[in-house]
């Protein structure tokens, strides 16, 4: 049985990692040596490389051996939200889908006014004009390397192909993309409140 991938978005990854001193930092191969995986931790008893202290097996090999990592992904949007109650209130607010074609939501000089996950993709958003959380999820998935070849094709074709797993290539999971899309809509709402 394959264990599902677990990603947790956090405000400050380094602070979270310090909370788990017994966790083993995941590794990956780079030029024939082990280097730190940018987000992954193991909470299992996985062997460590004595020279680096990292997981002895690169994460892909570790997965094949039955180990699973949990990825803690830093996202600055959480710094903009004061409490869970505030997040609940923001989630209840309506989305104006025209925000996703508005230059003011894609300001590369201000990370608080540059949509998380889609900040560099104004042209893509203008081409496909998202109208739902699922549309945002598709846009987030289509910018991943395994699916970038779909960009430029008709929207219906992209929607048909985007969640299909391509042999040998990393495909973004729909569940991850939907979670990211919800965060993108929260960020859009926060930007809209700041602009008004």
N, C-alpha and C. Protein backbone atom coordinates (compact mmCIF):
# COMPACT_ATOMS: atom_id res chain seq x y z
N UNK A 1 0.84 -1.18 0.00
CA UNK A 1 0.00 0.00 0.00
C UNK A 1 0.88 1.24 0.00
N UNK A 2 0.58 2.15 -0.89
CA UNK A 2 1.33 3.39 -0.97
C UNK A 2 0.71 4.40 0.00
N UNK A 3 1.55 5.02 0.81
CA UNK A 3 1.08 6.01 1.77
C UNK A 3 0.93 7.34 1.05
N UNK A 4 -0.20 8.04 1.27
CA UNK A 4 -0.40 9.30 0.56
C UNK A 4 0.60 10.37 0.98
N UNK A 5 0.87 11.24 0.05
CA UNK A 5 1.73 12.39 0.28
C UNK A 5 1.02 13.36 1.22
N UNK A 6 1.74 13.93 2.16
CA UNK A 6 1.15 14.89 3.09
C UNK A 6 1.92 16.20 2.99
N UNK A 7 1.21 17.27 2.66
CA UNK A 7 1.79 18.61 2.61
C UNK A 7 1.05 19.47 3.62
N UNK A 8 1.79 20.23 4.41
CA UNK A 8 1.19 21.15 5.36
C UNK A 8 1.77 22.54 5.11
N UNK A 9 0.90 23.48 4.81
CA UNK A 9 1.34 24.87 4.63
C UNK A 9 1.49 25.50 6.00
N UNK A 10 2.58 26.22 6.19
CA UNK A 10 2.86 26.89 7.46
C UNK A 10 3.39 28.29 7.18
N UNK A 11 3.30 29.13 8.18
CA UNK A 11 3.80 30.49 8.05
C UNK A 11 5.32 30.50 7.99
N UNK A 12 5.97 29.80 8.92
CA UNK A 12 7.42 29.82 9.02
C UNK A 12 7.94 28.39 9.19
N UNK A 13 8.44 27.82 8.13
CA UNK A 13 8.90 26.43 8.13
C UNK A 13 10.00 26.20 9.15
N UNK A 14 10.95 27.12 9.25
CA UNK A 14 12.08 26.93 10.17
C UNK A 14 11.62 26.83 11.62
N UNK A 15 10.63 27.61 11.99
CA UNK A 15 10.09 27.56 13.35
C UNK A 15 9.43 26.21 13.60
N UNK A 16 8.68 25.72 12.62
CA UNK A 16 8.00 24.44 12.76
C UNK A 16 9.02 23.31 12.90
N UNK A 17 10.07 23.34 12.09
CA UNK A 17 11.08 22.28 12.15
C UNK A 17 11.72 22.21 13.54
N UNK A 18 11.94 23.35 14.16
CA UNK A 18 12.54 23.38 15.50
C UNK A 18 11.64 22.72 16.54
N UNK A 19 10.35 22.64 16.26
CA UNK A 19 9.41 22.00 17.19
C UNK A 19 9.58 20.48 17.20
N UNK A 20 10.26 19.95 16.20
CA UNK A 20 10.40 18.50 16.06
C UNK A 20 11.88 18.11 15.95
N UNK A 21 12.64 18.26 17.03
CA UNK A 21 14.09 17.99 16.94
C UNK A 21 14.42 16.53 16.63
N UNK A 22 13.51 15.62 16.89
CA UNK A 22 13.78 14.20 16.62
C UNK A 22 13.48 13.82 15.17
N UNK A 23 12.81 14.68 14.44
CA UNK A 23 12.49 14.39 13.05
C UNK A 23 13.77 14.39 12.22
N UNK A 24 13.78 13.61 11.16
CA UNK A 24 14.93 13.52 10.26
C UNK A 24 14.61 14.32 9.00
N UNK A 25 15.51 15.20 8.63
CA UNK A 25 15.30 16.03 7.44
C UNK A 25 15.49 15.17 6.19
N UNK A 26 14.55 15.27 5.28
CA UNK A 26 14.60 14.50 4.04
C UNK A 26 15.76 14.97 3.17
N UNK A 27 16.19 14.08 2.30
CA UNK A 27 17.29 14.41 1.39
C UNK A 27 16.88 14.13 -0.05
N UNK A 28 17.68 14.69 -0.94
CA UNK A 28 17.52 14.40 -2.37
C UNK A 28 18.90 14.40 -3.00
N UNK A 29 18.99 13.81 -4.17
CA UNK A 29 20.27 13.75 -4.88
C UNK A 29 20.51 15.03 -5.67
N UNK A 30 21.72 15.51 -5.58
CA UNK A 30 22.16 16.63 -6.41
C UNK A 30 23.62 16.38 -6.73
N UNK A 31 23.90 16.15 -8.00
CA UNK A 31 25.27 15.90 -8.45
C UNK A 31 25.96 14.82 -7.62
N UNK A 32 25.24 13.69 -7.49
CA UNK A 32 25.81 12.51 -6.85
C UNK A 32 26.05 12.66 -5.34
N UNK A 33 25.42 13.65 -4.71
CA UNK A 33 25.54 13.76 -3.25
C UNK A 33 24.18 14.10 -2.66
N UNK A 34 24.03 13.78 -1.38
CA UNK A 34 22.79 14.09 -0.69
C UNK A 34 22.77 15.55 -0.28
N UNK A 35 21.64 16.21 -0.56
CA UNK A 35 21.42 17.59 -0.13
C UNK A 35 20.07 17.66 0.57
N UNK A 36 19.85 18.72 1.29
CA UNK A 36 18.61 18.90 2.03
C UNK A 36 17.42 19.05 1.08
N UNK A 37 16.39 18.26 1.32
CA UNK A 37 15.12 18.44 0.62
C UNK A 37 14.50 19.71 1.19
N UNK A 38 13.95 20.56 0.36
CA UNK A 38 13.51 21.88 0.78
C UNK A 38 12.38 21.88 1.81
N UNK A 39 11.56 20.82 1.83
CA UNK A 39 10.39 20.87 2.69
C UNK A 39 10.15 19.65 3.57
N UNK A 40 10.77 18.52 3.27
CA UNK A 40 10.37 17.25 3.88
C UNK A 40 11.04 16.89 5.18
N UNK A 41 10.24 16.27 6.06
CA UNK A 41 10.71 15.70 7.32
C UNK A 41 10.17 14.28 7.45
N UNK A 42 10.94 13.41 8.11
CA UNK A 42 10.49 12.07 8.44
C UNK A 42 10.28 11.99 9.94
N UNK A 43 9.16 11.41 10.33
CA UNK A 43 8.89 11.19 11.74
C UNK A 43 9.03 9.71 12.08
N UNK A 44 9.56 8.94 11.14
CA UNK A 44 9.84 7.52 11.34
C UNK A 44 11.33 7.35 11.66
N UNK A 45 11.69 6.15 12.07
CA UNK A 45 13.09 5.83 12.31
C UNK A 45 13.75 5.48 10.98
N UNK A 46 14.15 6.49 10.26
CA UNK A 46 14.81 6.30 8.98
C UNK A 46 16.32 6.48 9.22
N UNK A 47 17.15 5.65 8.60
CA UNK A 47 18.61 5.82 8.77
C UNK A 47 19.08 7.20 8.33
N UNK A 48 20.07 7.72 9.06
CA UNK A 48 20.65 9.03 8.73
C UNK A 48 22.02 8.85 8.09
N UNK A 49 22.34 9.74 7.19
CA UNK A 49 23.67 9.81 6.63
C UNK A 49 24.59 10.38 7.71
N UNK A 50 25.67 9.68 8.11
CA UNK A 50 26.51 10.16 9.21
C UNK A 50 27.22 11.48 8.91
N UNK A 51 27.48 11.76 7.65
CA UNK A 51 28.21 12.99 7.31
C UNK A 51 27.30 14.22 7.33
N UNK A 52 26.05 14.05 6.89
CA UNK A 52 25.16 15.22 6.76
C UNK A 52 24.07 15.29 7.82
N UNK A 53 23.74 14.14 8.42
CA UNK A 53 22.61 14.09 9.36
C UNK A 53 21.26 14.03 8.67
N UNK A 54 21.28 14.04 7.33
CA UNK A 54 20.05 13.96 6.56
C UNK A 54 19.62 12.50 6.42
N UNK A 55 18.40 12.29 5.97
CA UNK A 55 17.95 10.93 5.68
C UNK A 55 18.94 10.27 4.73
N UNK A 56 19.32 9.04 5.03
CA UNK A 56 20.34 8.34 4.26
C UNK A 56 19.87 8.00 2.84
N UNK A 57 18.55 7.93 2.65
CA UNK A 57 18.01 7.61 1.34
C UNK A 57 17.36 8.87 0.76
N UNK A 58 17.65 9.21 -0.50
CA UNK A 58 16.93 10.31 -1.13
C UNK A 58 15.42 10.01 -1.08
N UNK A 59 14.61 11.04 -1.03
CA UNK A 59 13.18 10.87 -0.74
C UNK A 59 12.46 9.91 -1.69
N UNK A 60 12.83 9.87 -2.96
CA UNK A 60 12.15 8.95 -3.88
C UNK A 60 12.47 7.49 -3.54
N UNK A 61 13.74 7.23 -3.21
CA UNK A 61 14.14 5.89 -2.81
C UNK A 61 13.50 5.54 -1.47
N UNK A 62 13.48 6.50 -0.55
CA UNK A 62 12.88 6.27 0.77
C UNK A 62 11.41 5.90 0.63
N UNK A 63 10.70 6.56 -0.28
CA UNK A 63 9.29 6.23 -0.51
C UNK A 63 9.15 4.80 -0.99
N UNK A 64 10.02 4.38 -1.93
CA UNK A 64 9.98 3.01 -2.43
C UNK A 64 10.26 1.99 -1.33
N UNK A 65 11.02 2.41 -0.31
CA UNK A 65 11.35 1.53 0.81
C UNK A 65 10.29 1.55 1.92
N UNK A 66 9.24 2.35 1.74
CA UNK A 66 8.14 2.37 2.71
C UNK A 66 8.18 3.53 3.69
N UNK A 67 9.14 4.42 3.54
CA UNK A 67 9.18 5.60 4.41
C UNK A 67 8.33 6.70 3.75
N UNK A 68 7.78 7.56 4.56
CA UNK A 68 7.04 8.66 3.99
C UNK A 68 7.40 9.95 4.70
N UNK A 69 7.49 10.98 3.91
CA UNK A 69 7.84 12.29 4.45
C UNK A 69 6.60 13.16 4.54
N UNK A 70 6.69 14.11 5.42
CA UNK A 70 5.67 15.15 5.52
C UNK A 70 6.35 16.44 5.11
N UNK A 71 5.75 17.13 4.15
CA UNK A 71 6.31 18.38 3.66
C UNK A 71 5.67 19.56 4.38
N UNK A 72 6.52 20.42 4.93
CA UNK A 72 6.09 21.66 5.55
C UNK A 72 6.46 22.79 4.59
N UNK A 73 5.45 23.38 3.99
CA UNK A 73 5.66 24.35 2.93
C UNK A 73 5.36 25.75 3.46
N UNK A 74 6.38 26.61 3.39
CA UNK A 74 6.22 27.98 3.88
C UNK A 74 5.34 28.78 2.92
N UNK A 75 4.42 29.55 3.51
CA UNK A 75 3.57 30.43 2.71
C UNK A 75 3.26 31.68 3.51
N UNK A 76 3.65 32.83 2.99
CA UNK A 76 3.52 34.10 3.70
C UNK A 76 2.08 34.54 3.92
N UNK A 77 1.13 33.97 3.22
CA UNK A 77 -0.26 34.39 3.37
C UNK A 77 -0.73 34.19 4.81
N UNK A 78 -0.23 33.15 5.46
CA UNK A 78 -0.64 32.89 6.85
C UNK A 78 -0.24 34.02 7.79
N UNK A 79 0.80 34.76 7.43
CA UNK A 79 1.20 35.90 8.26
C UNK A 79 0.18 37.04 8.18
N UNK A 80 -0.65 37.02 7.17
CA UNK A 80 -1.63 38.08 6.96
C UNK A 80 -2.96 37.82 7.67
N UNK A 81 -3.07 36.64 8.28
CA UNK A 81 -4.31 36.24 8.94
C UNK A 81 -4.07 36.17 10.45
N UNK A 82 -4.92 36.87 11.21
CA UNK A 82 -4.71 36.99 12.65
C UNK A 82 -5.14 35.80 13.48
N UNK A 83 -6.15 35.05 13.02
CA UNK A 83 -6.69 33.96 13.84
C UNK A 83 -7.49 33.00 12.96
N UNK A 84 -7.82 31.86 13.52
CA UNK A 84 -8.67 30.90 12.79
C UNK A 84 -10.05 31.49 12.54
N UNK A 85 -10.54 32.28 13.50
CA UNK A 85 -11.84 32.91 13.32
C UNK A 85 -11.81 33.88 12.13
N UNK A 86 -10.72 34.64 12.03
CA UNK A 86 -10.58 35.55 10.90
C UNK A 86 -10.51 34.78 9.59
N UNK A 87 -9.79 33.67 9.58
CA UNK A 87 -9.72 32.84 8.37
C UNK A 87 -11.11 32.34 7.99
N UNK A 88 -11.88 31.88 8.97
CA UNK A 88 -13.25 31.43 8.69
C UNK A 88 -14.08 32.55 8.07
N UNK A 89 -13.95 33.76 8.61
CA UNK A 89 -14.69 34.91 8.07
C UNK A 89 -14.27 35.21 6.64
N UNK A 90 -12.97 35.15 6.37
CA UNK A 90 -12.47 35.42 5.02
C UNK A 90 -12.97 34.36 4.05
N UNK A 91 -12.98 33.11 4.47
CA UNK A 91 -13.46 32.04 3.60
C UNK A 91 -14.92 32.23 3.22
N UNK A 92 -15.70 32.85 4.09
CA UNK A 92 -17.12 33.07 3.82
C UNK A 92 -17.37 34.22 2.84
N UNK A 93 -16.41 35.10 2.66
CA UNK A 93 -16.59 36.24 1.76
C UNK A 93 -16.67 35.76 0.31
N UNK A 94 -17.44 36.48 -0.52
CA UNK A 94 -17.53 36.08 -1.93
C UNK A 94 -16.22 36.39 -2.68
N UNK A 95 -16.04 35.70 -3.77
CA UNK A 95 -14.89 35.92 -4.64
C UNK A 95 -15.36 36.69 -5.87
N UNK A 96 -14.64 37.72 -6.22
CA UNK A 96 -14.88 38.43 -7.48
C UNK A 96 -13.86 37.86 -8.46
N UNK A 97 -14.31 37.05 -9.40
CA UNK A 97 -13.39 36.33 -10.28
C UNK A 97 -12.62 37.26 -11.20
N UNK A 98 -13.06 38.51 -11.34
CA UNK A 98 -12.31 39.47 -12.17
C UNK A 98 -10.96 39.81 -11.52
N UNK A 99 -10.81 39.56 -10.23
CA UNK A 99 -9.53 39.81 -9.56
C UNK A 99 -8.40 39.06 -10.25
N UNK A 100 -8.70 37.90 -10.80
CA UNK A 100 -7.67 37.04 -11.37
C UNK A 100 -7.21 37.48 -12.76
N UNK A 101 -7.76 38.60 -13.22
CA UNK A 101 -7.28 39.20 -14.46
C UNK A 101 -6.86 40.65 -14.23
N UNK A 102 -6.82 41.07 -12.97
CA UNK A 102 -6.52 42.45 -12.57
C UNK A 102 -5.04 42.57 -12.21
N UNK A 103 -4.33 43.42 -12.93
CA UNK A 103 -2.89 43.63 -12.72
C UNK A 103 -2.54 43.90 -11.26
N UNK A 104 -3.42 44.58 -10.51
CA UNK A 104 -3.12 44.94 -9.12
C UNK A 104 -2.94 43.74 -8.21
N UNK A 105 -3.40 42.57 -8.62
CA UNK A 105 -3.27 41.36 -7.82
C UNK A 105 -2.00 40.57 -8.20
N UNK A 106 -1.20 41.14 -9.09
CA UNK A 106 -0.01 40.46 -9.59
C UNK A 106 1.21 41.38 -9.51
N UNK A 107 1.31 42.18 -8.45
CA UNK A 107 2.40 43.14 -8.31
C UNK A 107 3.68 42.42 -7.87
N UNK A 108 4.64 42.26 -8.77
CA UNK A 108 5.86 41.50 -8.43
C UNK A 108 6.74 42.21 -7.39
N UNK A 109 6.50 43.50 -7.17
CA UNK A 109 7.31 44.25 -6.21
C UNK A 109 6.74 44.24 -4.80
N UNK A 110 5.59 43.63 -4.60
CA UNK A 110 4.94 43.60 -3.29
C UNK A 110 4.33 42.22 -3.07
N UNK A 111 5.01 41.39 -2.30
CA UNK A 111 4.53 40.01 -2.15
C UNK A 111 3.15 39.94 -1.51
N UNK A 112 2.73 40.96 -0.76
CA UNK A 112 1.39 40.96 -0.19
C UNK A 112 0.32 41.27 -1.25
N UNK A 113 0.74 41.84 -2.39
CA UNK A 113 -0.18 42.14 -3.49
C UNK A 113 0.17 41.34 -4.74
N UNK A 114 0.79 40.23 -4.55
CA UNK A 114 1.12 39.34 -5.67
C UNK A 114 0.60 37.95 -5.29
N UNK A 115 -0.44 37.52 -5.97
CA UNK A 115 -1.12 36.28 -5.60
C UNK A 115 -0.17 35.12 -5.38
N UNK A 116 -0.30 34.49 -4.25
CA UNK A 116 0.48 33.30 -3.97
C UNK A 116 0.19 32.24 -5.03
N UNK A 117 1.17 31.49 -5.39
CA UNK A 117 1.12 30.40 -6.37
C UNK A 117 0.89 30.86 -7.82
N UNK A 118 0.22 31.98 -8.03
CA UNK A 118 -0.07 32.42 -9.40
C UNK A 118 0.55 33.78 -9.72
N UNK A 119 1.37 34.31 -8.83
CA UNK A 119 1.90 35.66 -8.98
C UNK A 119 2.56 35.98 -10.30
N UNK A 120 3.22 35.03 -10.91
CA UNK A 120 3.90 35.28 -12.18
C UNK A 120 3.08 34.87 -13.39
N UNK A 121 1.79 34.64 -13.21
CA UNK A 121 0.99 34.05 -14.29
C UNK A 121 -0.25 34.87 -14.65
N UNK A 122 -0.11 36.19 -14.65
CA UNK A 122 -1.23 37.05 -15.04
C UNK A 122 -1.70 36.71 -16.45
N UNK A 123 -0.78 36.55 -17.40
CA UNK A 123 -1.18 36.25 -18.78
C UNK A 123 -1.97 34.95 -18.86
N UNK A 124 -1.54 33.94 -18.10
CA UNK A 124 -2.25 32.66 -18.08
C UNK A 124 -3.66 32.84 -17.51
N UNK A 125 -3.77 33.60 -16.43
CA UNK A 125 -5.09 33.85 -15.84
C UNK A 125 -5.97 34.65 -16.78
N UNK A 126 -5.40 35.58 -17.51
CA UNK A 126 -6.20 36.35 -18.47
C UNK A 126 -6.64 35.48 -19.65
N UNK A 127 -5.79 34.55 -20.05
CA UNK A 127 -6.14 33.67 -21.17
C UNK A 127 -7.29 32.74 -20.80
N UNK A 128 -7.24 32.16 -19.58
CA UNK A 128 -8.23 31.14 -19.21
C UNK A 128 -9.30 31.63 -18.23
N UNK A 129 -9.20 32.84 -17.73
CA UNK A 129 -10.21 33.50 -16.89
C UNK A 129 -10.92 32.54 -15.92
N UNK A 130 -10.29 32.22 -14.80
CA UNK A 130 -10.91 31.31 -13.84
C UNK A 130 -12.22 31.86 -13.28
N UNK A 131 -13.16 30.94 -13.03
CA UNK A 131 -14.46 31.31 -12.51
C UNK A 131 -14.86 30.47 -11.32
N UNK A 132 -13.92 29.67 -10.79
CA UNK A 132 -14.22 28.81 -9.64
C UNK A 132 -12.92 28.39 -8.97
N UNK A 133 -13.05 27.85 -7.77
CA UNK A 133 -11.88 27.32 -7.06
C UNK A 133 -11.25 26.19 -7.89
N UNK A 134 -12.07 25.36 -8.49
CA UNK A 134 -11.52 24.27 -9.31
C UNK A 134 -10.75 24.80 -10.50
N UNK A 135 -11.22 25.89 -11.12
CA UNK A 135 -10.47 26.51 -12.22
C UNK A 135 -9.10 26.98 -11.74
N UNK A 136 -9.06 27.58 -10.56
CA UNK A 136 -7.78 28.02 -9.99
C UNK A 136 -6.88 26.81 -9.77
N UNK A 137 -7.46 25.71 -9.28
CA UNK A 137 -6.69 24.48 -9.07
C UNK A 137 -6.08 23.98 -10.37
N UNK A 138 -6.85 24.03 -11.45
CA UNK A 138 -6.35 23.60 -12.76
C UNK A 138 -5.18 24.50 -13.18
N UNK A 139 -5.30 25.81 -12.97
CA UNK A 139 -4.21 26.72 -13.34
C UNK A 139 -2.95 26.43 -12.52
N UNK A 140 -3.13 26.13 -11.24
CA UNK A 140 -1.98 25.80 -10.40
C UNK A 140 -1.32 24.51 -10.88
N UNK A 141 -2.12 23.54 -11.29
CA UNK A 141 -1.57 22.27 -11.76
C UNK A 141 -0.90 22.40 -13.14
N UNK A 142 -1.45 23.25 -14.00
CA UNK A 142 -0.93 23.34 -15.37
C UNK A 142 0.42 24.04 -15.42
N UNK A 143 0.79 24.77 -14.38
CA UNK A 143 2.11 25.41 -14.40
C UNK A 143 3.21 24.50 -13.87
N UNK A 144 2.85 23.29 -13.45
CA UNK A 144 3.84 22.32 -13.00
C UNK A 144 4.50 21.68 -14.23
N UNK A 145 5.77 21.30 -14.11
CA UNK A 145 6.52 20.81 -15.29
C UNK A 145 5.83 19.70 -16.09
N UNK A 146 5.22 18.73 -15.42
CA UNK A 146 4.63 17.61 -16.15
C UNK A 146 3.43 18.00 -17.00
N UNK A 147 2.82 19.14 -16.70
CA UNK A 147 1.60 19.54 -17.42
C UNK A 147 1.74 20.85 -18.19
N UNK A 148 2.91 21.48 -18.15
CA UNK A 148 3.08 22.76 -18.85
C UNK A 148 2.79 22.65 -20.35
N UNK A 149 2.95 21.49 -20.91
CA UNK A 149 2.68 21.29 -22.32
C UNK A 149 1.22 21.51 -22.70
N UNK A 150 0.35 21.54 -21.71
CA UNK A 150 -1.07 21.78 -21.97
C UNK A 150 -1.39 23.26 -22.18
N UNK A 151 -0.48 24.14 -21.72
CA UNK A 151 -0.73 25.58 -21.84
C UNK A 151 -0.85 25.94 -23.32
N UNK A 152 -1.89 26.68 -23.65
CA UNK A 152 -2.16 27.07 -25.02
C UNK A 152 -3.26 26.25 -25.66
N UNK A 153 -3.53 25.08 -25.09
CA UNK A 153 -4.61 24.25 -25.62
C UNK A 153 -5.95 24.79 -25.14
N UNK A 154 -7.04 24.38 -25.77
CA UNK A 154 -8.36 24.83 -25.32
C UNK A 154 -8.63 24.41 -23.88
N UNK A 155 -9.36 25.26 -23.16
CA UNK A 155 -9.62 25.04 -21.73
C UNK A 155 -10.26 23.67 -21.47
N UNK A 156 -11.20 23.26 -22.30
CA UNK A 156 -11.84 21.96 -22.12
C UNK A 156 -10.84 20.81 -22.18
N UNK A 157 -9.89 20.89 -23.10
CA UNK A 157 -8.86 19.85 -23.20
C UNK A 157 -7.99 19.83 -21.95
N UNK A 158 -7.63 21.01 -21.47
CA UNK A 158 -6.81 21.09 -20.25
C UNK A 158 -7.55 20.44 -19.09
N UNK A 159 -8.83 20.76 -18.95
CA UNK A 159 -9.61 20.19 -17.86
C UNK A 159 -9.71 18.67 -17.96
N UNK A 160 -9.77 18.14 -19.17
CA UNK A 160 -9.83 16.68 -19.36
C UNK A 160 -8.51 16.00 -19.02
N UNK A 161 -7.39 16.65 -19.31
CA UNK A 161 -6.08 16.03 -19.19
C UNK A 161 -5.35 16.30 -17.88
N UNK A 162 -5.70 17.37 -17.19
CA UNK A 162 -4.86 17.87 -16.11
C UNK A 162 -4.65 16.88 -14.97
N UNK A 163 -5.65 16.09 -14.61
CA UNK A 163 -5.51 15.20 -13.45
C UNK A 163 -5.05 13.80 -13.83
N UNK A 164 -4.82 13.56 -15.12
CA UNK A 164 -4.33 12.25 -15.54
C UNK A 164 -2.86 12.12 -15.16
N UNK A 165 -2.51 10.99 -14.58
CA UNK A 165 -1.12 10.74 -14.19
C UNK A 165 -0.34 10.34 -15.43
N UNK A 166 0.77 11.02 -15.65
CA UNK A 166 1.63 10.75 -16.78
C UNK A 166 2.78 9.87 -16.31
N UNK A 167 2.96 8.73 -16.92
CA UNK A 167 4.01 7.80 -16.50
C UNK A 167 5.38 8.47 -16.50
N UNK A 168 6.08 8.33 -15.41
CA UNK A 168 7.44 8.84 -15.32
C UNK A 168 7.54 10.31 -14.98
N UNK A 169 6.42 11.04 -14.97
CA UNK A 169 6.46 12.46 -14.66
C UNK A 169 5.67 12.75 -13.40
N UNK A 170 6.13 13.74 -12.66
CA UNK A 170 5.42 14.17 -11.48
C UNK A 170 4.15 14.90 -11.90
N UNK A 171 3.03 14.45 -11.42
CA UNK A 171 1.76 15.12 -11.68
C UNK A 171 1.23 15.67 -10.37
N UNK A 172 0.77 16.88 -10.40
CA UNK A 172 0.25 17.54 -9.21
C UNK A 172 -1.08 16.91 -8.84
N UNK A 173 -1.24 16.55 -7.59
CA UNK A 173 -2.46 15.91 -7.14
C UNK A 173 -3.60 16.92 -7.04
N UNK A 174 -4.78 16.48 -7.44
CA UNK A 174 -5.94 17.36 -7.41
C UNK A 174 -6.21 17.85 -6.00
N UNK A 175 -6.08 16.99 -5.01
CA UNK A 175 -6.34 17.41 -3.62
C UNK A 175 -5.41 18.54 -3.20
N UNK A 176 -4.14 18.46 -3.58
CA UNK A 176 -3.19 19.53 -3.27
C UNK A 176 -3.57 20.81 -4.01
N UNK A 177 -3.91 20.67 -5.28
CA UNK A 177 -4.24 21.83 -6.09
C UNK A 177 -5.48 22.54 -5.55
N UNK A 178 -6.48 21.79 -5.11
CA UNK A 178 -7.69 22.41 -4.55
C UNK A 178 -7.34 23.16 -3.27
N UNK A 179 -6.52 22.55 -2.41
CA UNK A 179 -6.12 23.23 -1.17
C UNK A 179 -5.36 24.51 -1.49
N UNK A 180 -4.43 24.44 -2.43
CA UNK A 180 -3.69 25.64 -2.84
C UNK A 180 -4.64 26.68 -3.42
N UNK A 181 -5.61 26.23 -4.21
CA UNK A 181 -6.56 27.15 -4.83
C UNK A 181 -7.38 27.89 -3.78
N UNK A 182 -7.78 27.20 -2.74
CA UNK A 182 -8.51 27.87 -1.65
C UNK A 182 -7.64 28.94 -1.02
N UNK A 183 -6.36 28.63 -0.81
CA UNK A 183 -5.46 29.63 -0.24
C UNK A 183 -5.29 30.82 -1.19
N UNK A 184 -5.23 30.56 -2.48
CA UNK A 184 -5.13 31.64 -3.45
C UNK A 184 -6.36 32.55 -3.37
N UNK A 185 -7.54 31.96 -3.23
CA UNK A 185 -8.74 32.79 -3.13
C UNK A 185 -8.76 33.58 -1.83
N UNK A 186 -8.26 32.99 -0.75
CA UNK A 186 -8.14 33.74 0.51
C UNK A 186 -7.21 34.93 0.30
N UNK A 187 -6.08 34.69 -0.34
CA UNK A 187 -5.13 35.77 -0.57
C UNK A 187 -5.74 36.85 -1.46
N UNK A 188 -6.49 36.45 -2.49
CA UNK A 188 -7.15 37.43 -3.35
C UNK A 188 -8.12 38.30 -2.54
N UNK A 189 -8.85 37.69 -1.62
CA UNK A 189 -9.77 38.44 -0.77
C UNK A 189 -9.02 39.42 0.11
N UNK A 190 -7.88 38.99 0.65
CA UNK A 190 -7.07 39.89 1.49
C UNK A 190 -6.53 41.06 0.68
N UNK A 191 -6.07 40.79 -0.53
CA UNK A 191 -5.58 41.86 -1.41
C UNK A 191 -6.72 42.83 -1.71
N UNK A 192 -7.90 42.29 -2.04
CA UNK A 192 -9.05 43.14 -2.35
C UNK A 192 -9.40 44.04 -1.17
N UNK A 193 -9.33 43.51 0.05
CA UNK A 193 -9.63 44.32 1.23
C UNK A 193 -8.60 45.43 1.39
N UNK A 194 -7.33 45.14 1.10
CA UNK A 194 -6.29 46.15 1.22
C UNK A 194 -6.43 47.23 0.15
N UNK A 195 -6.89 46.83 -1.04
CA UNK A 195 -7.03 47.78 -2.14
C UNK A 195 -8.26 48.67 -2.01
N UNK A 196 -9.26 48.19 -1.26
CA UNK A 196 -10.51 48.98 -1.17
C UNK A 196 -10.44 50.05 -0.09
